[in-house]
N, C-alpha and C. Protein backbone atom coordinates (compact mmCIF):
# COMPACT_ATOMS: atom_id res chain seq x y z
N MET A 1 51.35 -16.61 -90.20
CA MET A 1 50.89 -16.03 -89.66
C MET A 1 51.26 -14.79 -89.07
N LYS A 2 50.27 -13.84 -88.70
CA LYS A 2 51.28 -12.20 -87.44
C LYS A 2 51.79 -12.75 -86.76
N LYS A 3 52.52 -11.71 -86.28
CA LYS A 3 52.96 -11.80 -84.90
C LYS A 3 52.46 -11.17 -84.07
N VAL A 4 51.97 -10.67 -83.06
CA VAL A 4 51.66 -9.68 -82.02
C VAL A 4 52.81 -9.47 -81.12
N PRO A 5 52.88 -8.11 -80.92
CA PRO A 5 53.90 -7.64 -79.43
C PRO A 5 53.37 -8.34 -78.59
N VAL A 6 54.38 -8.11 -77.56
CA VAL A 6 54.37 -9.09 -76.20
C VAL A 6 54.41 -7.71 -75.38
N THR A 7 54.52 -6.26 -74.92
CA THR A 7 54.12 -5.67 -74.39
C THR A 7 54.57 -4.67 -75.39
N GLU A 8 53.79 -3.04 -74.79
CA GLU A 8 53.49 -2.40 -75.47
C GLU A 8 55.13 -1.53 -74.93
N SER A 9 56.02 -1.84 -74.24
CA SER A 9 57.00 -0.70 -74.24
C SER A 9 58.13 -2.36 -74.71
N ASP A 10 57.77 -3.40 -74.81
CA ASP A 10 59.12 -3.56 -75.89
C ASP A 10 58.44 -4.28 -76.91
N GLU A 11 59.00 -3.91 -77.94
CA GLU A 11 57.98 -4.47 -79.61
C GLU A 11 58.37 -5.69 -80.02
N LEU A 12 60.06 -5.71 -79.40
CA LEU A 12 61.53 -6.08 -79.76
C LEU A 12 60.64 -7.97 -79.49
N LYS A 13 60.69 -8.15 -78.11
CA LYS A 13 59.65 -9.61 -78.30
C LYS A 13 58.59 -9.64 -78.77
N LYS A 14 58.05 -11.05 -79.35
CA LYS A 14 57.16 -11.15 -79.64
C LYS A 14 56.25 -12.68 -79.59
N GLN A 15 55.03 -12.57 -79.30
CA GLN A 15 54.44 -13.94 -78.73
C GLN A 15 55.11 -14.69 -80.39
N PRO A 16 55.24 -16.55 -79.75
CA PRO A 16 55.10 -17.54 -80.97
C PRO A 16 53.28 -17.33 -81.59
N ASP A 17 54.22 -18.05 -82.78
CA ASP A 17 53.24 -18.03 -83.65
C ASP A 17 51.78 -18.93 -82.76
N ALA A 18 50.83 -18.93 -83.34
CA ALA A 18 49.55 -19.75 -82.50
C ALA A 18 49.65 -21.09 -83.02
N GLU A 19 50.49 -21.38 -84.32
CA GLU A 19 50.43 -22.70 -84.61
C GLU A 19 51.88 -24.07 -83.58
N GLN A 20 52.67 -22.64 -83.56
CA GLN A 20 53.72 -23.21 -82.21
C GLN A 20 52.92 -22.92 -81.35
N ALA A 21 52.50 -22.46 -80.54
CA ALA A 21 51.87 -22.59 -79.25
C ALA A 21 51.06 -24.14 -79.20
N ASP A 22 50.34 -24.13 -80.57
CA ASP A 22 49.50 -25.27 -80.15
C ASP A 22 50.12 -26.36 -80.52
N ASP A 23 50.90 -26.61 -81.06
CA ASP A 23 52.17 -28.01 -80.92
C ASP A 23 52.84 -28.11 -79.81
N ASP A 24 53.34 -27.18 -79.02
CA ASP A 24 54.37 -27.19 -77.86
C ASP A 24 53.77 -26.11 -77.09
N PRO A 25 52.33 -25.85 -75.73
CA PRO A 25 52.31 -25.23 -74.70
C PRO A 25 53.07 -25.20 -73.58
N ILE A 26 54.02 -26.32 -73.92
CA ILE A 26 54.83 -25.87 -72.80
C ILE A 26 55.68 -25.20 -73.18
N ALA A 27 56.43 -24.54 -74.75
CA ALA A 27 56.99 -23.70 -74.45
C ALA A 27 56.40 -22.08 -74.66
N GLY A 28 54.64 -22.27 -74.95
CA GLY A 28 53.91 -20.96 -74.97
C GLY A 28 54.33 -20.65 -73.72
N LEU A 29 53.97 -21.82 -72.69
CA LEU A 29 53.63 -21.41 -71.30
C LEU A 29 55.20 -21.02 -70.82
N GLN A 30 56.10 -21.68 -70.97
CA GLN A 30 57.79 -20.39 -70.53
C GLN A 30 58.33 -19.27 -71.57
N ALA A 31 57.55 -19.01 -72.93
CA ALA A 31 57.84 -17.79 -73.20
C ALA A 31 56.95 -16.66 -71.96
N ASP A 32 55.53 -17.03 -71.25
CA ASP A 32 55.17 -16.16 -71.29
C ASP A 32 55.51 -16.53 -69.71
N LEU A 33 56.09 -17.16 -68.80
CA LEU A 33 56.73 -17.23 -67.89
C LEU A 33 57.82 -15.71 -67.90
N GLU A 34 58.50 -16.07 -68.76
CA GLU A 34 59.63 -15.05 -69.36
C GLU A 34 59.24 -13.87 -69.19
N ARG A 35 58.50 -14.07 -69.91
CA ARG A 35 57.72 -12.35 -70.29
C ARG A 35 57.29 -11.78 -68.93
N PHE A 36 56.48 -12.55 -68.13
CA PHE A 36 55.71 -11.66 -67.05
C PHE A 36 57.16 -11.35 -66.01
N ARG A 37 57.85 -12.38 -65.83
CA ARG A 37 58.86 -12.70 -64.99
C ARG A 37 60.20 -10.67 -65.76
N ASP A 38 59.97 -10.74 -66.93
CA ASP A 38 61.07 -9.57 -66.83
C ASP A 38 60.11 -8.63 -66.39
N LEU A 39 59.27 -8.63 -66.59
CA LEU A 39 57.29 -7.23 -66.58
C LEU A 39 57.76 -6.78 -64.67
N ALA A 40 58.12 -8.43 -64.29
CA ALA A 40 58.10 -8.14 -62.99
C ALA A 40 59.67 -7.53 -62.16
N MET A 41 60.20 -7.46 -62.93
CA MET A 41 61.66 -7.37 -62.52
C MET A 41 61.06 -5.83 -62.68
N ARG A 42 61.49 -5.76 -64.07
CA ARG A 42 60.78 -4.22 -64.86
C ARG A 42 60.28 -3.16 -63.59
N SER A 43 59.45 -3.66 -63.05
CA SER A 43 58.24 -2.92 -62.15
C SER A 43 58.83 -2.83 -60.97
N GLN A 44 59.64 -3.80 -60.41
CA GLN A 44 60.66 -3.70 -58.48
C GLN A 44 61.35 -2.71 -59.24
N ALA A 45 61.94 -3.02 -60.10
CA ALA A 45 62.95 -1.70 -60.42
C ALA A 45 62.28 -0.22 -60.53
N ASP A 46 61.72 -0.10 -61.15
CA ASP A 46 61.32 1.29 -61.70
C ASP A 46 60.70 1.77 -59.89
N PHE A 47 60.06 0.82 -58.93
CA PHE A 47 59.27 1.56 -57.81
C PHE A 47 60.50 1.16 -57.15
N GLU A 48 61.82 1.13 -57.04
CA GLU A 48 62.77 0.92 -56.56
C GLU A 48 63.38 2.42 -56.98
N ASN A 49 63.14 3.14 -58.08
CA ASN A 49 63.85 4.66 -58.52
C ASN A 49 63.04 5.53 -57.79
N TYR A 50 61.66 5.01 -57.84
CA TYR A 50 60.97 6.06 -57.40
C TYR A 50 60.90 6.15 -55.82
N LYS A 51 61.25 5.34 -55.23
CA LYS A 51 61.51 5.53 -53.58
C LYS A 51 62.90 6.85 -54.00
N ARG A 52 63.59 6.15 -54.17
CA ARG A 52 65.02 7.01 -54.08
C ARG A 52 65.37 8.05 -54.33
N ARG A 53 64.30 8.52 -55.77
CA ARG A 53 64.06 9.67 -56.16
C ARG A 53 63.07 10.63 -55.45
N SER A 54 62.27 9.76 -54.86
CA SER A 54 61.18 10.63 -53.94
C SER A 54 61.57 10.82 -52.16
N ALA A 55 62.78 10.34 -51.65
CA ALA A 55 63.77 10.46 -50.75
C ALA A 55 64.11 11.73 -50.59
N ARG A 56 65.05 11.51 -51.69
CA ARG A 56 66.20 12.02 -52.48
C ARG A 56 64.86 14.07 -52.19
N GLU A 57 64.00 14.02 -53.55
CA GLU A 57 62.99 15.36 -53.22
C GLU A 57 62.78 15.41 -51.85
N LYS A 58 62.45 14.76 -50.89
CA LYS A 58 61.92 15.25 -49.56
C LYS A 58 62.85 15.51 -48.60
N GLU A 59 64.17 15.62 -49.20
CA GLU A 59 65.40 15.70 -48.49
C GLU A 59 65.82 16.80 -48.81
N GLU A 60 65.99 17.10 -50.43
CA GLU A 60 66.14 19.12 -50.83
C GLU A 60 64.76 19.28 -50.26
N ALA A 61 64.02 19.13 -50.05
CA ALA A 61 62.35 20.46 -49.29
C ALA A 61 62.94 20.76 -48.03
N ILE A 62 63.19 19.47 -47.66
CA ILE A 62 63.58 20.01 -46.21
C ILE A 62 64.66 20.94 -45.89
N LYS A 63 65.73 20.70 -46.56
CA LYS A 63 67.32 21.17 -46.49
C LYS A 63 66.51 22.84 -46.95
N TYR A 64 66.10 22.84 -48.53
CA TYR A 64 65.80 23.71 -48.38
C TYR A 64 64.72 24.81 -48.30
N ALA A 65 64.04 24.32 -47.71
CA ALA A 65 62.83 25.01 -46.57
C ALA A 65 62.38 26.91 -46.25
N ASN A 66 63.51 26.47 -46.23
CA ASN A 66 63.46 27.91 -45.60
C ASN A 66 64.24 29.00 -46.40
N THR A 67 63.96 28.80 -47.53
CA THR A 67 64.51 29.42 -48.47
C THR A 67 63.61 31.09 -49.00
N SER A 68 62.58 30.74 -48.89
CA SER A 68 61.81 32.26 -49.05
C SER A 68 61.95 32.84 -47.91
N LEU A 69 61.59 32.58 -46.77
CA LEU A 69 61.91 33.45 -45.74
C LEU A 69 63.31 34.24 -45.60
N LEU A 70 64.47 33.45 -45.94
CA LEU A 70 65.48 34.19 -46.15
C LEU A 70 65.71 34.75 -46.85
N GLU A 71 65.10 34.57 -48.44
CA GLU A 71 64.95 35.63 -48.96
C GLU A 71 64.83 37.22 -48.44
N LYS A 72 63.35 36.93 -47.50
CA LYS A 72 62.75 38.45 -47.05
C LYS A 72 63.73 38.51 -46.39
N LEU A 73 64.17 37.74 -45.56
CA LEU A 73 64.93 38.56 -44.62
C LEU A 73 66.40 38.91 -44.98
N VAL A 74 66.92 38.92 -45.95
CA VAL A 74 68.31 39.57 -46.48
C VAL A 74 67.91 40.53 -47.51
N SER A 75 66.20 41.11 -47.79
CA SER A 75 66.26 42.32 -47.97
C SER A 75 66.59 43.58 -46.65
N ILE A 76 65.92 42.68 -45.73
CA ILE A 76 65.49 43.54 -44.05
C ILE A 76 66.85 43.76 -44.25
N ILE A 77 68.01 42.79 -44.20
CA ILE A 77 69.07 43.46 -43.78
C ILE A 77 69.88 44.40 -44.94
N ASP A 78 69.56 44.00 -46.28
CA ASP A 78 69.75 45.49 -47.15
C ASP A 78 69.43 46.52 -46.23
N HIS A 79 67.89 46.74 -46.29
CA HIS A 79 67.65 47.85 -45.39
C HIS A 79 68.40 48.18 -43.84
N PHE A 80 68.06 47.61 -43.13
CA PHE A 80 69.33 47.34 -42.06
C PHE A 80 70.54 48.30 -42.10
N GLU A 81 71.80 47.14 -43.09
CA GLU A 81 72.88 48.20 -43.36
C GLU A 81 72.56 49.58 -43.88
N LEU A 82 71.72 50.25 -45.13
CA LEU A 82 71.75 51.13 -45.46
C LEU A 82 71.63 52.32 -43.83
N GLY A 83 70.57 51.82 -43.36
CA GLY A 83 69.90 52.45 -42.24
C GLY A 83 71.25 52.57 -41.09
N LEU A 84 72.09 51.43 -40.61
CA LEU A 84 73.22 52.22 -40.19
C LEU A 84 74.42 53.12 -41.01
N GLU A 85 74.56 52.65 -42.08
CA GLU A 85 75.27 53.70 -42.55
C GLU A 85 74.39 55.12 -42.67
N ALA A 86 72.80 55.40 -42.62
CA ALA A 86 72.58 56.57 -42.43
C ALA A 86 72.94 57.28 -41.09
N ALA A 87 73.25 56.11 -39.87
CA ALA A 87 73.60 56.68 -38.68
C ALA A 87 74.97 57.16 -38.44
N ARG A 88 75.43 56.50 -39.09
CA ARG A 88 77.08 56.69 -39.15
C ARG A 88 77.25 57.65 -39.80
N GLY A 89 76.81 58.42 -40.47
CA GLY A 89 76.45 59.51 -41.60
C GLY A 89 76.00 60.40 -40.08
N GLU A 90 74.79 60.55 -39.90
CA GLU A 90 74.20 61.46 -38.57
C GLU A 90 74.98 61.54 -37.66
N ALA A 91 75.63 60.61 -36.76
CA ALA A 91 75.66 60.67 -35.80
C ALA A 91 77.37 60.44 -34.98
N GLY A 92 78.15 59.81 -36.72
CA GLY A 92 79.07 59.01 -36.31
C GLY A 92 79.46 57.84 -36.11
N GLU A 93 80.36 56.89 -35.60
CA GLU A 93 80.36 55.48 -35.34
C GLU A 93 80.33 55.73 -33.60
N LYS A 94 80.70 56.45 -32.82
CA LYS A 94 81.12 56.58 -31.69
C LYS A 94 80.00 56.95 -30.57
N SER A 95 78.37 56.93 -31.54
CA SER A 95 76.82 56.79 -30.98
C SER A 95 76.75 56.03 -30.42
N PRO A 96 76.20 55.81 -29.40
CA PRO A 96 75.33 54.54 -28.65
C PRO A 96 74.51 54.26 -29.91
N ILE A 97 73.69 54.80 -30.07
CA ILE A 97 72.33 54.06 -31.36
C ILE A 97 73.07 53.21 -32.75
N TYR A 98 74.46 54.30 -33.00
CA TYR A 98 75.00 53.13 -34.05
C TYR A 98 75.73 51.91 -33.31
N SER A 99 76.34 52.16 -32.31
CA SER A 99 76.48 51.01 -31.69
C SER A 99 75.98 49.35 -31.35
N GLY A 100 74.71 50.34 -31.08
CA GLY A 100 73.44 49.35 -31.10
C GLY A 100 73.35 48.69 -31.85
N MET A 101 73.10 49.27 -32.59
CA MET A 101 72.22 49.10 -34.29
C MET A 101 73.65 47.95 -35.04
N SER A 102 74.57 48.27 -34.42
CA SER A 102 75.68 47.54 -35.74
C SER A 102 76.20 46.02 -34.55
N LEU A 103 75.42 46.37 -32.87
CA LEU A 103 75.64 45.04 -32.39
C LEU A 103 74.14 43.78 -33.09
N VAL A 104 73.14 44.54 -33.45
CA VAL A 104 71.84 43.91 -33.92
C VAL A 104 72.36 43.66 -35.04
N LEU A 105 72.84 44.35 -36.06
CA LEU A 105 72.81 43.58 -37.17
C LEU A 105 74.10 42.64 -37.24
N LYS A 106 75.06 42.60 -36.41
CA LYS A 106 76.67 41.44 -35.77
C LYS A 106 75.43 40.27 -35.72
N GLN A 107 74.36 40.35 -34.67
CA GLN A 107 73.85 39.21 -34.45
C GLN A 107 73.23 38.52 -35.22
N LEU A 108 72.61 39.20 -36.19
CA LEU A 108 71.54 38.44 -37.23
C LEU A 108 72.14 38.18 -38.60
N GLN A 109 73.37 38.63 -38.40
CA GLN A 109 74.27 37.94 -39.31
C GLN A 109 75.07 36.97 -39.16
N ASP A 110 75.38 36.68 -38.02
CA ASP A 110 75.58 35.33 -37.18
C ASP A 110 75.10 34.47 -37.03
N LEU A 111 73.36 34.81 -36.83
CA LEU A 111 72.31 33.89 -36.98
C LEU A 111 72.55 33.19 -38.08
N LEU A 112 72.07 34.06 -39.20
CA LEU A 112 71.92 33.62 -40.58
C LEU A 112 73.53 32.71 -40.82
N THR A 113 74.70 33.45 -40.92
CA THR A 113 75.25 32.30 -40.93
C THR A 113 75.53 30.99 -40.67
N LYS A 114 74.73 30.93 -38.96
CA LYS A 114 75.06 29.95 -38.49
C LYS A 114 74.08 28.89 -39.39
N ASN A 115 73.11 29.18 -39.91
CA ASN A 115 71.97 28.38 -40.44
C ASN A 115 72.71 28.05 -42.01
N GLY A 116 73.63 28.50 -42.56
CA GLY A 116 73.77 28.21 -43.91
C GLY A 116 73.41 29.40 -45.35
N LEU A 117 73.64 30.24 -44.56
CA LEU A 117 73.64 31.63 -45.35
C LEU A 117 74.85 32.00 -45.73
N GLN A 118 75.33 32.46 -46.59
CA GLN A 118 77.00 32.98 -46.51
C GLN A 118 76.95 34.42 -47.65
N PRO A 119 77.50 35.25 -47.79
CA PRO A 119 77.10 36.47 -48.31
C PRO A 119 78.67 35.69 -49.19
N ILE A 120 78.22 36.64 -50.18
CA ILE A 120 79.14 36.58 -51.20
C ILE A 120 79.84 37.97 -51.43
N GLU A 121 81.42 37.65 -51.76
CA GLU A 121 82.21 38.59 -51.56
C GLU A 121 82.19 39.16 -52.92
N ALA A 122 82.46 39.89 -53.86
CA ALA A 122 82.57 40.79 -54.83
C ALA A 122 83.56 41.56 -55.33
N VAL A 123 83.61 42.77 -54.21
CA VAL A 123 84.83 43.37 -54.97
C VAL A 123 86.03 42.85 -54.44
N GLY A 124 87.04 42.85 -56.38
CA GLY A 124 88.42 42.61 -56.53
C GLY A 124 87.97 41.30 -57.22
N GLN A 125 86.74 40.27 -57.43
CA GLN A 125 87.04 39.61 -57.68
C GLN A 125 86.36 39.06 -59.09
N LYS A 126 87.39 38.73 -60.26
CA LYS A 126 86.89 38.44 -61.57
C LYS A 126 84.69 38.58 -61.62
N PHE A 127 84.75 38.60 -62.45
CA PHE A 127 83.12 38.71 -62.34
C PHE A 127 82.56 37.14 -62.99
N ASP A 128 81.51 36.55 -62.34
CA ASP A 128 81.60 35.85 -62.22
C ASP A 128 79.85 35.48 -62.58
N PRO A 129 79.38 35.52 -63.60
CA PRO A 129 77.53 35.41 -64.03
C PRO A 129 76.45 34.17 -63.66
N ASN A 130 77.97 33.22 -62.58
CA ASN A 130 77.36 32.24 -61.95
C ASN A 130 76.42 32.99 -60.48
N LEU A 131 77.45 33.75 -60.07
CA LEU A 131 77.40 35.00 -58.89
C LEU A 131 77.15 36.28 -58.98
N HIS A 132 77.15 36.69 -60.17
CA HIS A 132 76.85 38.51 -60.10
C HIS A 132 76.10 38.83 -61.16
N GLU A 133 75.36 39.86 -60.86
CA GLU A 133 74.38 39.98 -61.89
C GLU A 133 75.05 41.43 -61.86
N ALA A 134 75.87 41.82 -63.59
CA ALA A 134 76.29 43.13 -63.99
C ALA A 134 75.30 44.16 -64.03
N ILE A 135 75.38 45.57 -63.45
CA ILE A 135 74.00 46.38 -63.60
C ILE A 135 74.74 47.54 -64.02
N ALA A 136 76.67 47.32 -64.13
CA ALA A 136 76.93 48.44 -65.25
C ALA A 136 78.50 48.07 -65.71
N HIS A 137 79.11 48.89 -66.62
CA HIS A 137 80.49 48.33 -67.12
C HIS A 137 81.09 50.08 -66.66
N GLU A 138 82.15 50.27 -66.19
CA GLU A 138 82.66 51.28 -65.91
C GLU A 138 84.30 51.14 -66.51
N PRO A 139 85.30 52.20 -67.34
CA PRO A 139 86.14 52.13 -67.75
C PRO A 139 87.27 52.53 -66.40
N SER A 140 87.98 52.05 -65.78
CA SER A 140 88.89 52.05 -65.20
C SER A 140 90.07 52.02 -65.27
N ASN A 141 91.34 52.66 -64.47
CA ASN A 141 92.99 52.87 -64.74
C ASN A 141 93.55 51.46 -64.15
N GLU A 142 92.59 51.36 -63.06
CA GLU A 142 92.88 50.92 -62.15
C GLU A 142 93.15 49.49 -61.42
N VAL A 143 91.79 49.10 -62.01
CA VAL A 143 91.09 47.49 -61.85
C VAL A 143 90.65 47.24 -63.68
N PRO A 144 91.86 45.88 -63.71
CA PRO A 144 91.52 45.03 -65.24
C PRO A 144 90.70 44.60 -65.22
N GLU A 145 90.63 45.03 -66.79
CA GLU A 145 89.46 44.37 -66.89
C GLU A 145 88.16 43.32 -66.74
N GLY A 146 87.07 43.19 -66.48
CA GLY A 146 86.86 42.00 -66.15
C GLY A 146 86.43 41.51 -64.52
N VAL A 147 86.90 42.88 -64.09
CA VAL A 147 86.63 42.25 -62.52
C VAL A 147 85.60 43.63 -61.82
N VAL A 148 85.66 43.16 -60.99
CA VAL A 148 84.16 43.95 -60.06
C VAL A 148 85.22 45.19 -59.46
N ILE A 149 84.51 46.44 -60.04
CA ILE A 149 84.71 47.63 -59.15
C ILE A 149 84.39 47.28 -57.77
N ARG A 150 82.77 47.41 -58.06
CA ARG A 150 82.40 47.61 -56.65
C ARG A 150 80.67 46.85 -56.82
N GLN A 151 80.10 46.53 -55.63
CA GLN A 151 79.04 46.10 -55.33
C GLN A 151 77.32 47.01 -54.93
N THR A 152 76.62 46.78 -55.61
CA THR A 152 75.10 48.04 -54.97
C THR A 152 74.58 47.09 -54.06
N ARG A 153 74.33 45.35 -54.84
CA ARG A 153 73.61 45.20 -53.53
C ARG A 153 74.67 43.28 -53.21
N ARG A 154 74.23 43.18 -52.00
CA ARG A 154 75.22 41.94 -51.95
C ARG A 154 74.18 40.50 -51.30
N GLY A 155 75.45 39.93 -53.18
CA GLY A 155 74.65 38.58 -52.82
C GLY A 155 74.63 37.34 -52.32
N TYR A 156 74.24 36.52 -51.70
CA TYR A 156 73.90 35.50 -50.70
C TYR A 156 73.69 34.39 -51.40
N ARG A 157 74.34 33.26 -50.57
CA ARG A 157 74.34 31.69 -50.80
C ARG A 157 73.28 31.23 -49.67
N PHE A 158 72.71 30.14 -49.85
CA PHE A 158 72.28 29.30 -48.95
C PHE A 158 72.59 27.63 -49.23
N LYS A 159 73.26 27.58 -48.36
CA LYS A 159 74.25 26.01 -48.18
C LYS A 159 74.88 26.06 -49.62
N ASP A 160 74.56 25.18 -50.51
CA ASP A 160 74.69 25.24 -51.65
C ASP A 160 74.64 25.85 -53.36
N ARG A 161 73.80 26.70 -52.95
CA ARG A 161 72.73 27.28 -53.89
C ARG A 161 72.72 28.58 -53.90
N LEU A 162 72.67 29.07 -54.81
CA LEU A 162 72.59 30.38 -54.88
C LEU A 162 71.50 30.85 -54.21
N LEU A 163 71.01 32.00 -53.62
CA LEU A 163 69.91 32.78 -53.04
C LEU A 163 69.43 33.68 -53.74
N ARG A 164 70.48 34.69 -54.07
CA ARG A 164 70.64 35.57 -55.18
C ARG A 164 71.90 36.29 -55.10
N PRO A 165 72.26 37.01 -56.19
CA PRO A 165 73.37 37.03 -57.34
C PRO A 165 73.77 38.88 -56.43
N SER A 166 74.81 38.44 -56.73
CA SER A 166 75.43 39.95 -56.15
C SER A 166 75.30 41.38 -57.31
N ALA A 167 75.03 42.51 -57.55
CA ALA A 167 74.71 42.96 -57.75
C ALA A 167 75.83 44.16 -58.80
N VAL A 168 76.27 44.07 -59.20
CA VAL A 168 77.80 45.02 -59.20
C VAL A 168 78.39 45.49 -60.77
N VAL A 169 79.15 46.60 -60.95
CA VAL A 169 79.63 47.23 -61.45
C VAL A 169 81.09 46.53 -61.89
N VAL A 170 80.69 46.29 -63.33
CA VAL A 170 82.96 45.52 -63.58
C VAL A 170 83.74 46.22 -64.68
N SER A 171 84.95 46.37 -64.62
CA SER A 171 85.31 47.56 -64.94
C SER A 171 85.36 46.56 -66.71
N SER A 172 85.62 47.70 -67.24
CA SER A 172 85.97 47.80 -68.73
C SER A 172 87.28 47.70 -69.11
N GLY A 173 88.34 48.27 -67.91
CA GLY A 173 90.08 48.36 -68.72
C GLY A 173 89.66 49.79 -68.73
N PRO A 174 91.13 49.90 -69.09
CA PRO A 174 91.16 51.55 -68.96
C PRO A 174 90.78 52.19 -70.57
N ALA A 175 89.85 53.02 -69.48
CA ALA A 175 89.32 54.33 -70.99
C ALA A 175 90.29 54.77 -71.86
N LYS A 176 88.93 54.53 -72.85
CA LYS A 176 90.06 54.80 -74.35
C LYS A 176 89.59 55.80 -74.96
């Protein structure tokens, strides 16, 4: 007689033949009990895994909730630093405007650092594609091949994730 799969997910276990179930109704009931017990245990394990995954996803969502705000603030800091450089060139470092802008920038950077934002220092470091975005290669007699010569845009990490890679120029070694 043809055997029927017990469940869709577990085709290896089969129901007893109809003749066997007629001969021994207790064995058929015992097989059903085992099958339902297994199904209940699997469902319970799936539910526990779902609860753990949901809790982890919720925790990550809370931990990284400020990411989009920080991406916008980082761009404002870039422009602020450019303005500060222009003020230094125009009025000099002794200017009260330059001093005040420097203080405001320092306070803003300290606040962001305290909340998990870390700038990535790239100049003089070996090029790392996980942290740096190479925008150019330049020959250099002083800097070995594969080392960052200069940074055109600062990169940042937010807690343990990369928020924005540093845009860098990488040495291609001595000119040929």
